[in-house]
């Protein structure tokens, strides 16, 4: 038993060491940023602006991959199923939380299959709601949150590196001006803050969808 425990510890230490070396070399090839909507929309424009800044900061190429369909769930599923190596990212907004309830047959679980990296901003939206909906004010309903995610299991060191780049980018006057031109109020967060926010949004929209009796797909 003692020898087995030592062997297990050695294997675990080796895996951690390999992950650390991998993160230190990151990135070694282009990064794919999945935009789960068609070209030309706010998500696409924002993805291109942020993608270029990440490319500059990480000294690599960021390829925008538009994968529209099923309310954004096709692109999100592609990101969730990708290798957790930091070379596939997803830009999404509050629709990621809405879809957790709205699309029962989607091929992923946003709370378990995606790793939060950072919020990048929000923009006003517009919705029509019933008085019975459980929201304290309209601002809770109409703000559309944009954020960057990676597949769950992506090494923490890579998540931290990406988060650092995004936080620095969102504080730069030039980036803030570029995002403002797309209608986005820039901002950032820690991965933990984004994770908590996503969980809160999923719970909130589940109540809203149930109260409004919106059909589940």
Protein backbone atom coordinates (compact mmCIF):
# COMPACT_ATOMS: atom_id res chain seq x y z
CA UNK A 1 0.00 0.00 0.00
CA UNK A 2 2.84 2.35 0.89
CA UNK A 3 4.59 1.71 -2.43
CA UNK A 4 1.32 2.21 -4.31
CA UNK A 5 0.76 5.54 -2.58
CA UNK A 6 4.28 6.68 -3.45
CA UNK A 7 3.78 5.64 -7.06
CA UNK A 8 0.51 7.55 -7.23
CA UNK A 9 2.18 10.65 -5.80
CA UNK A 10 5.01 10.40 -8.36
CA UNK A 11 2.56 10.11 -11.25
CA UNK A 12 0.52 13.07 -9.97
CA UNK A 13 3.63 15.17 -9.51
CA UNK A 14 4.74 14.29 -13.02
CA UNK A 15 1.41 15.33 -14.49
CA UNK A 16 1.49 18.63 -12.61
CA UNK A 17 5.02 19.24 -13.78
CA UNK A 18 4.09 18.54 -17.39
CA UNK A 19 1.13 20.91 -17.14
CA UNK A 20 3.39 23.61 -15.73
CA UNK A 21 5.91 23.23 -18.55
CA UNK A 22 3.09 23.31 -21.10
CA UNK A 23 1.73 26.53 -19.60
CA UNK A 24 5.16 28.16 -19.60
CA UNK A 25 5.50 27.54 -23.35
CA UNK A 26 1.96 28.71 -24.10
CA UNK A 27 1.08 29.72 -26.72
CA UNK A 28 3.05 27.76 -29.30
CA UNK A 29 0.48 27.91 -32.10
CA UNK A 30 -2.56 29.97 -33.16
CA UNK A 31 -5.55 30.26 -30.84
CA UNK A 32 -9.09 29.77 -32.10
CA UNK A 33 -11.73 32.14 -30.72
CA UNK A 34 -15.20 30.76 -31.37
CA UNK A 35 -17.92 33.35 -31.93
CA UNK A 36 -21.24 31.47 -31.72
CA UNK A 37 -23.02 34.00 -33.94
CA UNK A 38 -22.84 35.26 -37.53
CA UNK A 39 -20.24 37.82 -38.70
CA UNK A 40 -21.15 41.48 -38.34
CA UNK A 41 -22.95 41.41 -34.99
CA UNK A 42 -21.72 42.80 -31.69
CA UNK A 43 -20.30 39.46 -30.57
CA UNK A 44 -18.32 39.16 -33.79
CA UNK A 45 -17.03 42.74 -33.71
CA UNK A 46 -16.10 42.43 -30.04
CA UNK A 47 -14.43 39.07 -30.65
CA UNK A 48 -12.27 40.54 -33.39
CA UNK A 49 -11.19 43.50 -31.27
CA UNK A 50 -10.38 41.37 -28.22
CA UNK A 51 -8.88 38.63 -30.38
CA UNK A 52 -6.44 41.04 -31.98
CA UNK A 53 -5.41 42.39 -28.58
CA UNK A 54 -4.83 38.84 -27.29
CA UNK A 55 -2.80 38.07 -30.39
CA UNK A 56 -0.61 41.10 -29.75
CA UNK A 57 -0.19 40.39 -26.06
CA UNK A 58 0.52 36.69 -26.48
CA UNK A 59 2.64 37.06 -29.62
CA UNK A 60 0.53 34.63 -31.61
CA UNK A 61 -2.37 34.56 -34.05
CA UNK A 62 -5.99 34.48 -32.93
CA UNK A 63 -8.34 33.04 -35.55
CA UNK A 64 -11.99 34.06 -35.36
CA UNK A 65 -14.27 31.07 -35.98
CA UNK A 66 -17.93 32.05 -36.49
CA UNK A 67 -20.18 29.09 -35.62
CA UNK A 68 -23.73 30.40 -35.64
CA UNK A 69 -26.82 28.32 -34.97
CA UNK A 70 -29.37 27.24 -32.35
CA UNK A 71 -29.15 30.48 -30.38
CA UNK A 72 -25.41 30.19 -29.89
CA UNK A 73 -25.47 26.62 -28.56
CA UNK A 74 -23.69 25.10 -31.56
CA UNK A 75 -20.61 27.26 -31.09
CA UNK A 76 -20.69 26.85 -27.32
CA UNK A 77 -20.87 23.05 -27.70
CA UNK A 78 -17.89 23.11 -30.04
CA UNK A 79 -15.87 25.07 -27.47
CA UNK A 80 -16.98 22.87 -24.58
CA UNK A 81 -15.87 19.71 -26.40
CA UNK A 82 -12.52 21.10 -27.55
CA UNK A 83 -9.22 20.00 -26.05
CA UNK A 84 -8.60 21.87 -22.76
CA UNK A 85 -5.23 23.21 -23.84
CA UNK A 86 -5.88 26.94 -24.16
CA UNK A 87 -6.03 26.89 -27.95
CA UNK A 88 -9.82 27.11 -28.19
CA UNK A 89 -11.69 29.97 -26.55
CA UNK A 90 -15.31 31.10 -26.62
CA UNK A 91 -16.79 34.57 -26.51
CA UNK A 92 -20.35 34.65 -25.28
CA UNK A 93 -22.89 36.78 -23.44
CA UNK A 94 -25.87 36.32 -21.16
CA UNK A 95 -27.37 34.01 -23.77
CA UNK A 96 -25.02 31.34 -22.42
CA UNK A 97 -26.95 31.46 -19.14
CA UNK A 98 -30.36 31.71 -20.81
CA UNK A 99 -29.65 28.68 -22.97
CA UNK A 100 -29.00 26.48 -19.92
CA UNK A 101 -32.76 26.41 -19.43
CA UNK A 102 -34.03 27.24 -22.92
CA UNK A 103 -32.25 24.44 -24.77
CA UNK A 104 -32.68 21.14 -22.96
CA UNK A 105 -31.09 19.06 -25.73
CA UNK A 106 -27.84 20.99 -26.12
CA UNK A 107 -24.67 18.93 -25.99
CA UNK A 108 -22.95 20.65 -23.07
CA UNK A 109 -23.45 22.09 -19.59
CA UNK A 110 -22.07 25.62 -19.37
CA UNK A 111 -21.53 25.41 -15.62
CA UNK A 112 -19.43 22.24 -15.85
CA UNK A 113 -17.99 22.12 -19.37
CA UNK A 114 -16.69 25.68 -19.69
CA UNK A 115 -14.00 27.39 -17.64
CA UNK A 116 -14.57 31.12 -16.99
CA UNK A 117 -11.67 33.42 -17.87
CA UNK A 118 -12.90 37.01 -17.64
CA UNK A 119 -15.79 39.32 -18.29
CA UNK A 120 -14.99 41.82 -21.05
CA UNK A 121 -17.96 44.17 -20.93
CA UNK A 122 -21.67 44.64 -21.33
CA UNK A 123 -24.07 46.48 -23.57
CA UNK A 124 -27.71 47.50 -23.13
CA UNK A 125 -30.26 45.18 -24.69
CA UNK A 126 -34.04 45.27 -24.90
CA UNK A 127 -36.65 42.76 -23.76
CA UNK A 128 -40.40 42.76 -23.19
CA UNK A 129 -41.33 41.26 -19.83
CA UNK A 130 -44.40 40.45 -17.78
CA UNK A 131 -44.97 42.03 -14.38
CA UNK A 132 -44.76 38.62 -12.73
CA UNK A 133 -41.14 38.04 -13.67
CA UNK A 134 -38.79 37.74 -10.66
CA UNK A 135 -36.46 40.65 -11.44
CA UNK A 136 -35.91 43.60 -9.14
CA UNK A 137 -35.45 46.11 -11.94
CA UNK A 138 -35.21 46.32 -15.69
CA UNK A 139 -31.43 46.73 -15.58
CA UNK A 140 -31.19 43.15 -14.35
CA UNK A 141 -32.94 42.00 -17.51
CA UNK A 142 -31.61 44.18 -20.31
CA UNK A 143 -27.86 44.21 -19.73
CA UNK A 144 -26.07 41.73 -22.01
CA UNK A 145 -22.93 40.40 -20.42
CA UNK A 146 -19.94 39.51 -22.67
CA UNK A 147 -17.18 37.18 -21.44
CA UNK A 148 -14.43 34.78 -22.51
CA UNK A 149 -14.43 31.07 -21.64
CA UNK A 150 -12.24 28.04 -22.29
CA UNK A 151 -13.04 24.32 -22.16
CA UNK A 152 -13.26 22.95 -18.64
CA UNK A 153 -9.98 21.37 -17.57
CA UNK A 154 -7.78 24.03 -19.17
CA UNK A 155 -4.67 24.40 -16.95
CA UNK A 156 -5.04 27.09 -14.29
CA UNK A 157 -1.78 28.70 -15.37
CA UNK A 158 -3.15 29.22 -18.88
CA UNK A 159 -6.45 30.57 -17.52
CA UNK A 160 -4.44 32.98 -15.36
CA UNK A 161 -2.32 34.10 -18.32
CA UNK A 162 -5.37 34.78 -20.47
CA UNK A 163 -7.12 36.54 -17.61
CA UNK A 164 -4.09 38.77 -17.07
CA UNK A 165 -4.04 39.77 -20.74
CA UNK A 166 -7.75 40.56 -20.74
CA UNK A 167 -7.63 42.56 -17.50
CA UNK A 168 -4.72 44.61 -18.82
CA UNK A 169 -6.47 45.10 -22.16
CA UNK A 170 -9.71 46.30 -20.61
CA UNK A 171 -7.78 48.98 -18.70
CA UNK A 172 -6.10 50.41 -21.80
CA UNK A 173 -7.60 53.67 -23.13
CA UNK A 174 -7.25 52.52 -26.74
CA UNK A 175 -9.10 49.26 -26.07
CA UNK A 176 -11.80 51.02 -24.08
CA UNK A 177 -12.36 53.40 -26.97
CA UNK A 178 -12.54 50.55 -29.50
CA UNK A 179 -15.05 48.67 -27.38
CA UNK A 180 -17.10 51.79 -26.81
CA UNK A 181 -17.42 52.16 -30.59
CA UNK A 182 -19.05 48.70 -30.70
CA UNK A 183 -21.53 49.79 -28.02
CA UNK A 184 -19.84 47.86 -25.22
CA UNK A 185 -19.01 49.23 -21.79
CA UNK A 186 -15.67 47.47 -21.11
CA UNK A 187 -14.87 45.67 -17.88
CA UNK A 188 -13.06 42.63 -16.53
CA UNK A 189 -13.21 40.14 -13.69
CA UNK A 190 -11.40 37.25 -12.11
CA UNK A 191 -12.34 33.76 -13.33
CA UNK A 192 -13.99 33.14 -9.96
CA UNK A 193 -16.11 36.29 -10.21
CA UNK A 194 -17.24 35.35 -13.70
CA UNK A 195 -18.08 31.84 -12.54
CA UNK A 196 -20.25 33.16 -9.72
CA UNK A 197 -21.95 35.57 -12.09
CA UNK A 198 -22.70 32.83 -14.61
CA UNK A 199 -24.24 30.64 -11.91
CA UNK A 200 -26.38 33.55 -10.71
CA UNK A 201 -27.51 34.34 -14.26
CA UNK A 202 -28.42 30.71 -14.93
CA UNK A 203 -30.57 30.62 -11.79
CA UNK A 204 -32.19 33.98 -12.55
CA UNK A 205 -33.08 33.12 -16.13
CA UNK A 206 -34.46 29.74 -15.15
CA UNK A 207 -36.99 31.57 -12.98
CA UNK A 208 -37.74 34.12 -15.70
CA UNK A 209 -38.31 31.46 -18.35
CA UNK A 210 -40.56 29.47 -16.02
CA UNK A 211 -42.58 32.53 -15.00
CA UNK A 212 -43.04 33.61 -18.60
CA UNK A 213 -43.92 30.02 -19.62
CA UNK A 214 -41.46 30.16 -22.51
CA UNK A 215 -41.35 26.83 -24.38
CA UNK A 216 -38.24 24.74 -23.81
CA UNK A 217 -36.47 23.47 -26.95
